[in-house]
Amino acid sequence: MEIKKGDTVEVVAGDDKGVRGSVNRIVAGRDRPRGRPAKGQGTLARDPNRDRVLVSGVNLVKKHQKPTGDVRTQAGIIEREAPIHISNVALVCPHCQQRTRVAHQSLENGKQVRVCKRCGQTID
């Protein structure tokens, strides 16, 4: 994936279009069985339709929460961020401050870095 935790992203679709925020968490798609596995065998494939990100200040939802037992949980109506699909956000380059696509480039030492497609600067 081109987006990592801590990156600044901009929402490109939905109710919060145009809002920028930092990625708090990446919720990767869970593995699901592919095809019909034979007895005792199974192959798993990652489901890209379930790849989501949690962006600060974006996709705020209200959750009604009851107090639970002796634990000090916040009760009442709580506003929190909900995950948004990764295709609805675009990475913002820290150098040119524009949303951009990402290229991958390998360095001399064999390490691979992300590169901004607009300005050519490394993101990592």
N, C-alpha and C. Protein backbone atom coordinates (compact mmCIF):
# COMPACT_ATOMS: atom_id res chain seq x y z
N MET A 1 0.83 -1.19 0.00
CA MET A 1 0.00 0.00 0.00
C MET A 1 0.87 1.25 0.00
N GLU A 2 0.40 2.29 -0.62
CA GLU A 2 1.17 3.52 -0.72
C GLU A 2 0.97 4.43 0.48
N ILE A 3 -0.04 4.17 1.30
CA ILE A 3 -0.33 5.03 2.45
C ILE A 3 0.09 4.30 3.72
N LYS A 4 0.79 5.03 4.60
CA LYS A 4 1.26 4.46 5.85
C LYS A 4 0.74 5.28 7.02
N LYS A 5 0.86 4.73 8.21
CA LYS A 5 0.44 5.42 9.42
C LYS A 5 1.29 6.69 9.60
N GLY A 6 0.62 7.80 9.90
CA GLY A 6 1.31 9.06 10.09
C GLY A 6 1.34 9.95 8.86
N ASP A 7 0.98 9.42 7.69
CA ASP A 7 0.95 10.22 6.47
C ASP A 7 -0.20 11.21 6.51
N THR A 8 -0.03 12.33 5.81
CA THR A 8 -1.12 13.28 5.63
C THR A 8 -1.84 12.93 4.34
N VAL A 9 -3.16 12.81 4.45
CA VAL A 9 -3.96 12.45 3.28
C VAL A 9 -5.09 13.45 3.10
N GLU A 10 -5.63 13.49 1.89
CA GLU A 10 -6.77 14.34 1.57
C GLU A 10 -7.90 13.45 1.07
N VAL A 11 -9.11 13.72 1.54
CA VAL A 11 -10.27 12.94 1.13
C VAL A 11 -10.69 13.43 -0.25
N VAL A 12 -10.85 12.49 -1.20
CA VAL A 12 -11.18 12.86 -2.58
C VAL A 12 -12.62 12.52 -2.94
N ALA A 13 -13.34 11.81 -2.08
CA ALA A 13 -14.73 11.46 -2.37
C ALA A 13 -15.50 11.32 -1.08
N GLY A 14 -16.78 11.64 -1.13
CA GLY A 14 -17.63 11.47 0.04
C GLY A 14 -18.01 12.80 0.66
N ASP A 15 -18.61 12.74 1.85
CA ASP A 15 -19.10 13.93 2.53
C ASP A 15 -17.97 14.85 2.98
N ASP A 16 -16.82 14.31 3.30
CA ASP A 16 -15.69 15.09 3.80
C ASP A 16 -14.68 15.41 2.70
N LYS A 17 -15.14 15.54 1.46
CA LYS A 17 -14.24 15.77 0.33
C LYS A 17 -13.46 17.07 0.54
N GLY A 18 -12.14 16.99 0.33
CA GLY A 18 -11.29 18.16 0.47
C GLY A 18 -10.65 18.33 1.84
N VAL A 19 -11.07 17.54 2.81
CA VAL A 19 -10.53 17.65 4.17
C VAL A 19 -9.22 16.87 4.26
N ARG A 20 -8.24 17.48 4.93
CA ARG A 20 -6.95 16.81 5.14
C ARG A 20 -6.82 16.40 6.59
N GLY A 21 -6.11 15.29 6.78
CA GLY A 21 -5.86 14.79 8.13
C GLY A 21 -4.76 13.76 8.09
N SER A 22 -4.29 13.39 9.27
CA SER A 22 -3.22 12.38 9.32
C SER A 22 -3.82 11.01 9.58
N VAL A 23 -3.16 9.98 9.07
CA VAL A 23 -3.65 8.61 9.20
C VAL A 23 -3.29 8.10 10.60
N ASN A 24 -4.31 7.73 11.37
CA ASN A 24 -4.09 7.19 12.71
C ASN A 24 -3.86 5.68 12.68
N ARG A 25 -4.57 5.00 11.80
CA ARG A 25 -4.50 3.54 11.77
C ARG A 25 -4.88 3.04 10.40
N ILE A 26 -4.30 1.92 10.00
CA ILE A 26 -4.66 1.27 8.74
C ILE A 26 -5.36 -0.03 9.09
N VAL A 27 -6.56 -0.21 8.57
CA VAL A 27 -7.33 -1.43 8.79
C VAL A 27 -7.24 -2.23 7.50
N ALA A 28 -6.30 -3.18 7.45
CA ALA A 28 -6.09 -3.95 6.24
C ALA A 28 -7.20 -4.97 6.06
N GLY A 29 -7.45 -5.31 4.81
CA GLY A 29 -8.47 -6.31 4.51
C GLY A 29 -8.10 -7.66 5.08
N ARG A 30 -9.06 -8.33 5.67
CA ARG A 30 -8.80 -9.64 6.26
C ARG A 30 -8.64 -10.69 5.17
N ASP A 31 -7.98 -11.77 5.54
CA ASP A 31 -7.82 -12.87 4.60
C ASP A 31 -9.13 -13.61 4.46
N ARG A 32 -9.41 -14.04 3.28
CA ARG A 32 -10.62 -14.82 3.02
C ARG A 32 -10.24 -16.01 2.18
N PRO A 33 -10.98 -17.11 2.28
CA PRO A 33 -10.64 -18.28 1.48
C PRO A 33 -10.86 -18.01 0.00
N ARG A 34 -9.95 -18.52 -0.82
CA ARG A 34 -10.05 -18.34 -2.26
C ARG A 34 -10.43 -19.70 -2.87
N GLY A 35 -11.49 -19.72 -3.60
CA GLY A 35 -11.91 -20.96 -4.24
C GLY A 35 -12.47 -21.94 -3.22
N ARG A 36 -12.49 -23.18 -3.59
CA ARG A 36 -12.97 -24.22 -2.69
C ARG A 36 -11.79 -25.09 -2.30
N PRO A 37 -11.28 -24.92 -1.07
CA PRO A 37 -10.10 -25.68 -0.69
C PRO A 37 -10.41 -27.15 -0.47
N ALA A 38 -9.40 -27.99 -0.73
CA ALA A 38 -9.54 -29.41 -0.47
C ALA A 38 -9.52 -29.65 1.03
N LYS A 39 -9.85 -30.83 1.43
CA LYS A 39 -9.94 -31.15 2.85
C LYS A 39 -8.56 -30.98 3.51
N GLY A 40 -8.51 -30.14 4.56
CA GLY A 40 -7.28 -29.91 5.28
C GLY A 40 -6.36 -28.90 4.64
N GLN A 41 -6.71 -28.41 3.47
CA GLN A 41 -5.88 -27.42 2.79
C GLN A 41 -6.71 -26.18 2.52
N GLY A 42 -6.06 -25.09 2.44
CA GLY A 42 -6.77 -23.86 2.13
C GLY A 42 -5.81 -22.76 1.75
N THR A 43 -6.18 -22.00 0.75
CA THR A 43 -5.36 -20.86 0.37
C THR A 43 -6.13 -19.61 0.75
N LEU A 44 -5.41 -18.62 1.26
CA LEU A 44 -6.05 -17.38 1.67
C LEU A 44 -5.61 -16.24 0.77
N ALA A 45 -6.53 -15.35 0.50
CA ALA A 45 -6.24 -14.18 -0.31
C ALA A 45 -6.70 -12.93 0.45
N ARG A 46 -5.92 -11.83 0.32
CA ARG A 46 -6.30 -10.59 0.96
C ARG A 46 -7.43 -9.95 0.15
N ASP A 47 -8.43 -9.44 0.86
CA ASP A 47 -9.57 -8.83 0.20
C ASP A 47 -9.34 -7.32 0.09
N PRO A 48 -9.02 -6.78 -1.08
CA PRO A 48 -8.73 -5.34 -1.20
C PRO A 48 -9.96 -4.47 -0.99
N ASN A 49 -11.16 -5.04 -1.06
CA ASN A 49 -12.37 -4.25 -0.85
C ASN A 49 -12.55 -3.87 0.61
N ARG A 50 -11.76 -4.47 1.50
CA ARG A 50 -11.89 -4.19 2.92
C ARG A 50 -10.75 -3.34 3.47
N ASP A 51 -9.88 -2.82 2.60
CA ASP A 51 -8.78 -1.97 3.03
C ASP A 51 -9.32 -0.59 3.40
N ARG A 52 -9.11 -0.18 4.64
CA ARG A 52 -9.64 1.09 5.13
C ARG A 52 -8.60 1.80 5.97
N VAL A 53 -8.77 3.12 6.12
CA VAL A 53 -7.87 3.92 6.95
C VAL A 53 -8.70 4.74 7.92
N LEU A 54 -8.10 5.03 9.07
CA LEU A 54 -8.72 5.87 10.09
C LEU A 54 -7.99 7.20 10.06
N VAL A 55 -8.68 8.25 9.61
CA VAL A 55 -8.06 9.57 9.44
C VAL A 55 -8.61 10.50 10.52
N SER A 56 -7.72 11.27 11.15
CA SER A 56 -8.15 12.16 12.23
C SER A 56 -9.03 13.29 11.68
N GLY A 57 -10.18 13.49 12.30
CA GLY A 57 -11.09 14.56 11.93
C GLY A 57 -11.96 14.28 10.73
N VAL A 58 -11.95 13.06 10.21
CA VAL A 58 -12.71 12.72 9.01
C VAL A 58 -13.68 11.60 9.32
N ASN A 59 -14.86 11.64 8.72
CA ASN A 59 -15.89 10.61 8.86
C ASN A 59 -16.28 10.42 10.32
N LEU A 60 -16.65 11.51 10.98
CA LEU A 60 -17.05 11.46 12.38
C LEU A 60 -18.45 10.88 12.51
N VAL A 61 -18.60 9.92 13.39
CA VAL A 61 -19.90 9.30 13.65
C VAL A 61 -20.20 9.41 15.14
N LYS A 62 -21.48 9.36 15.48
CA LYS A 62 -21.88 9.40 16.88
C LYS A 62 -22.23 8.00 17.33
N LYS A 63 -21.68 7.61 18.47
CA LYS A 63 -21.92 6.28 19.01
C LYS A 63 -22.59 6.43 20.36
N HIS A 64 -23.72 5.74 20.54
CA HIS A 64 -24.41 5.74 21.82
C HIS A 64 -23.84 4.61 22.66
N GLN A 65 -23.24 4.96 23.80
CA GLN A 65 -22.55 3.97 24.60
C GLN A 65 -23.09 3.97 26.02
N LYS A 66 -23.36 2.76 26.51
CA LYS A 66 -23.84 2.59 27.88
C LYS A 66 -22.66 2.31 28.80
N PRO A 67 -22.77 2.67 30.08
CA PRO A 67 -21.70 2.30 31.01
C PRO A 67 -21.67 0.80 31.21
N THR A 68 -20.45 0.23 31.30
CA THR A 68 -20.33 -1.22 31.44
C THR A 68 -19.65 -1.56 32.75
N GLY A 69 -20.40 -2.10 33.67
CA GLY A 69 -19.85 -2.63 34.93
C GLY A 69 -19.06 -1.62 35.72
N ASP A 70 -17.97 -2.10 36.34
CA ASP A 70 -17.13 -1.26 37.19
C ASP A 70 -16.07 -0.50 36.40
N VAL A 71 -15.91 -0.84 35.12
CA VAL A 71 -14.87 -0.21 34.32
C VAL A 71 -15.28 1.24 34.03
N ARG A 72 -14.32 2.13 34.06
CA ARG A 72 -14.61 3.55 33.83
C ARG A 72 -14.69 3.84 32.33
N THR A 73 -15.81 3.51 31.74
CA THR A 73 -16.02 3.81 30.33
C THR A 73 -16.86 5.07 30.22
N GLN A 74 -16.58 5.83 29.20
CA GLN A 74 -17.34 7.05 28.97
C GLN A 74 -18.72 6.66 28.46
N ALA A 75 -19.74 7.14 29.12
CA ALA A 75 -21.12 6.82 28.74
C ALA A 75 -21.75 8.03 28.05
N GLY A 76 -22.79 7.77 27.26
CA GLY A 76 -23.49 8.83 26.57
C GLY A 76 -23.23 8.77 25.07
N ILE A 77 -23.39 9.91 24.42
CA ILE A 77 -23.18 9.99 22.98
C ILE A 77 -21.74 10.41 22.74
N ILE A 78 -20.97 9.54 22.11
CA ILE A 78 -19.55 9.76 21.86
C ILE A 78 -19.34 9.98 20.37
N GLU A 79 -18.57 11.00 20.03
CA GLU A 79 -18.25 11.26 18.63
C GLU A 79 -16.84 10.75 18.37
N ARG A 80 -16.71 9.91 17.34
CA ARG A 80 -15.41 9.33 17.04
C ARG A 80 -15.26 9.15 15.53
N GLU A 81 -14.03 8.87 15.10
CA GLU A 81 -13.78 8.67 13.67
C GLU A 81 -14.09 7.23 13.28
N ALA A 82 -14.67 7.09 12.11
CA ALA A 82 -14.94 5.76 11.56
C ALA A 82 -13.99 5.55 10.38
N PRO A 83 -13.67 4.30 10.07
CA PRO A 83 -12.76 4.05 8.94
C PRO A 83 -13.38 4.47 7.61
N ILE A 84 -12.52 4.92 6.70
CA ILE A 84 -12.94 5.31 5.35
C ILE A 84 -12.14 4.45 4.37
N HIS A 85 -12.74 4.11 3.24
CA HIS A 85 -12.07 3.24 2.29
C HIS A 85 -10.82 3.92 1.74
N ILE A 86 -9.79 3.13 1.53
CA ILE A 86 -8.48 3.67 1.13
C ILE A 86 -8.52 4.29 -0.26
N SER A 87 -9.47 3.90 -1.08
CA SER A 87 -9.56 4.49 -2.43
C SER A 87 -10.14 5.90 -2.39
N ASN A 88 -10.72 6.30 -1.28
CA ASN A 88 -11.31 7.63 -1.16
C ASN A 88 -10.35 8.66 -0.57
N VAL A 89 -9.10 8.29 -0.36
CA VAL A 89 -8.11 9.24 0.14
C VAL A 89 -6.90 9.24 -0.80
N ALA A 90 -6.21 10.39 -0.85
CA ALA A 90 -5.00 10.51 -1.65
C ALA A 90 -3.89 11.08 -0.78
N LEU A 91 -2.69 10.60 -0.98
CA LEU A 91 -1.54 11.04 -0.20
C LEU A 91 -1.18 12.47 -0.55
N VAL A 92 -0.83 13.27 0.47
CA VAL A 92 -0.39 14.64 0.27
C VAL A 92 1.13 14.66 0.43
N CYS A 93 1.82 15.17 -0.58
CA CYS A 93 3.29 15.23 -0.56
C CYS A 93 3.73 16.25 0.49
N PRO A 94 4.68 15.88 1.37
CA PRO A 94 5.13 16.83 2.39
C PRO A 94 5.98 17.98 1.81
N HIS A 95 6.45 17.84 0.57
CA HIS A 95 7.30 18.88 -0.03
C HIS A 95 6.49 19.89 -0.83
N CYS A 96 5.63 19.40 -1.74
CA CYS A 96 4.87 20.32 -2.60
C CYS A 96 3.46 20.59 -2.07
N GLN A 97 3.05 19.92 -1.00
CA GLN A 97 1.75 20.13 -0.35
C GLN A 97 0.57 19.93 -1.28
N GLN A 98 0.70 19.04 -2.27
CA GLN A 98 -0.39 18.71 -3.17
C GLN A 98 -0.65 17.22 -3.08
N ARG A 99 -1.90 16.84 -3.34
CA ARG A 99 -2.17 15.40 -3.34
C ARG A 99 -1.53 14.80 -4.58
N THR A 100 -1.04 13.60 -4.40
CA THR A 100 -0.22 13.02 -5.46
C THR A 100 -0.36 11.51 -5.48
N ARG A 101 0.11 10.95 -6.58
CA ARG A 101 0.26 9.50 -6.66
C ARG A 101 1.67 9.15 -6.23
N VAL A 102 1.92 7.87 -6.02
CA VAL A 102 3.19 7.45 -5.46
C VAL A 102 3.90 6.50 -6.41
N ALA A 103 5.20 6.73 -6.58
CA ALA A 103 6.06 5.81 -7.32
C ALA A 103 7.02 5.18 -6.33
N HIS A 104 7.54 4.02 -6.66
CA HIS A 104 8.51 3.34 -5.81
C HIS A 104 9.85 3.33 -6.54
N GLN A 105 10.89 3.67 -5.78
CA GLN A 105 12.23 3.74 -6.36
C GLN A 105 13.19 3.04 -5.42
N SER A 106 14.11 2.27 -5.98
CA SER A 106 15.08 1.58 -5.13
C SER A 106 16.38 2.37 -5.10
N LEU A 107 16.98 2.43 -3.92
CA LEU A 107 18.25 3.14 -3.74
C LEU A 107 19.43 2.21 -3.97
N GLU A 108 20.64 2.76 -3.84
CA GLU A 108 21.85 1.96 -4.09
C GLU A 108 22.00 0.84 -3.06
N ASN A 109 21.56 1.10 -1.82
CA ASN A 109 21.73 0.09 -0.77
C ASN A 109 20.64 -0.98 -0.80
N GLY A 110 19.76 -0.93 -1.79
CA GLY A 110 18.72 -1.95 -1.93
C GLY A 110 17.42 -1.60 -1.25
N LYS A 111 17.38 -0.47 -0.54
CA LYS A 111 16.15 -0.06 0.14
C LYS A 111 15.22 0.62 -0.85
N GLN A 112 13.93 0.38 -0.69
CA GLN A 112 12.94 0.95 -1.59
C GLN A 112 12.24 2.11 -0.89
N VAL A 113 12.08 3.24 -1.58
CA VAL A 113 11.44 4.43 -1.00
C VAL A 113 10.27 4.86 -1.86
N ARG A 114 9.36 5.61 -1.26
CA ARG A 114 8.23 6.17 -1.99
C ARG A 114 8.64 7.54 -2.54
N VAL A 115 8.20 7.83 -3.77
CA VAL A 115 8.56 9.07 -4.45
C VAL A 115 7.29 9.75 -4.93
N CYS A 116 7.24 11.08 -4.78
CA CYS A 116 6.10 11.88 -5.26
C CYS A 116 6.14 11.93 -6.78
N LYS A 117 5.00 11.69 -7.43
CA LYS A 117 4.92 11.72 -8.88
C LYS A 117 4.93 13.15 -9.42
N ARG A 118 4.56 14.14 -8.60
CA ARG A 118 4.50 15.52 -9.05
C ARG A 118 5.87 16.21 -9.01
N CYS A 119 6.53 16.16 -7.83
CA CYS A 119 7.78 16.90 -7.69
C CYS A 119 9.02 16.02 -7.72
N GLY A 120 8.87 14.71 -7.58
CA GLY A 120 10.00 13.80 -7.67
C GLY A 120 10.78 13.65 -6.37
N GLN A 121 10.35 14.29 -5.29
CA GLN A 121 11.03 14.19 -3.99
C GLN A 121 10.64 12.88 -3.30
N THR A 122 11.55 12.37 -2.45
CA THR A 122 11.23 11.17 -1.71
C THR A 122 10.28 11.51 -0.56
N ILE A 123 9.34 10.63 -0.28
CA ILE A 123 8.36 10.82 0.78
C ILE A 123 8.85 10.21 2.08
N ASP A 124 9.53 9.08 1.98
CA ASP A 124 10.04 8.42 3.19
C ASP A 124 11.33 9.06 3.65
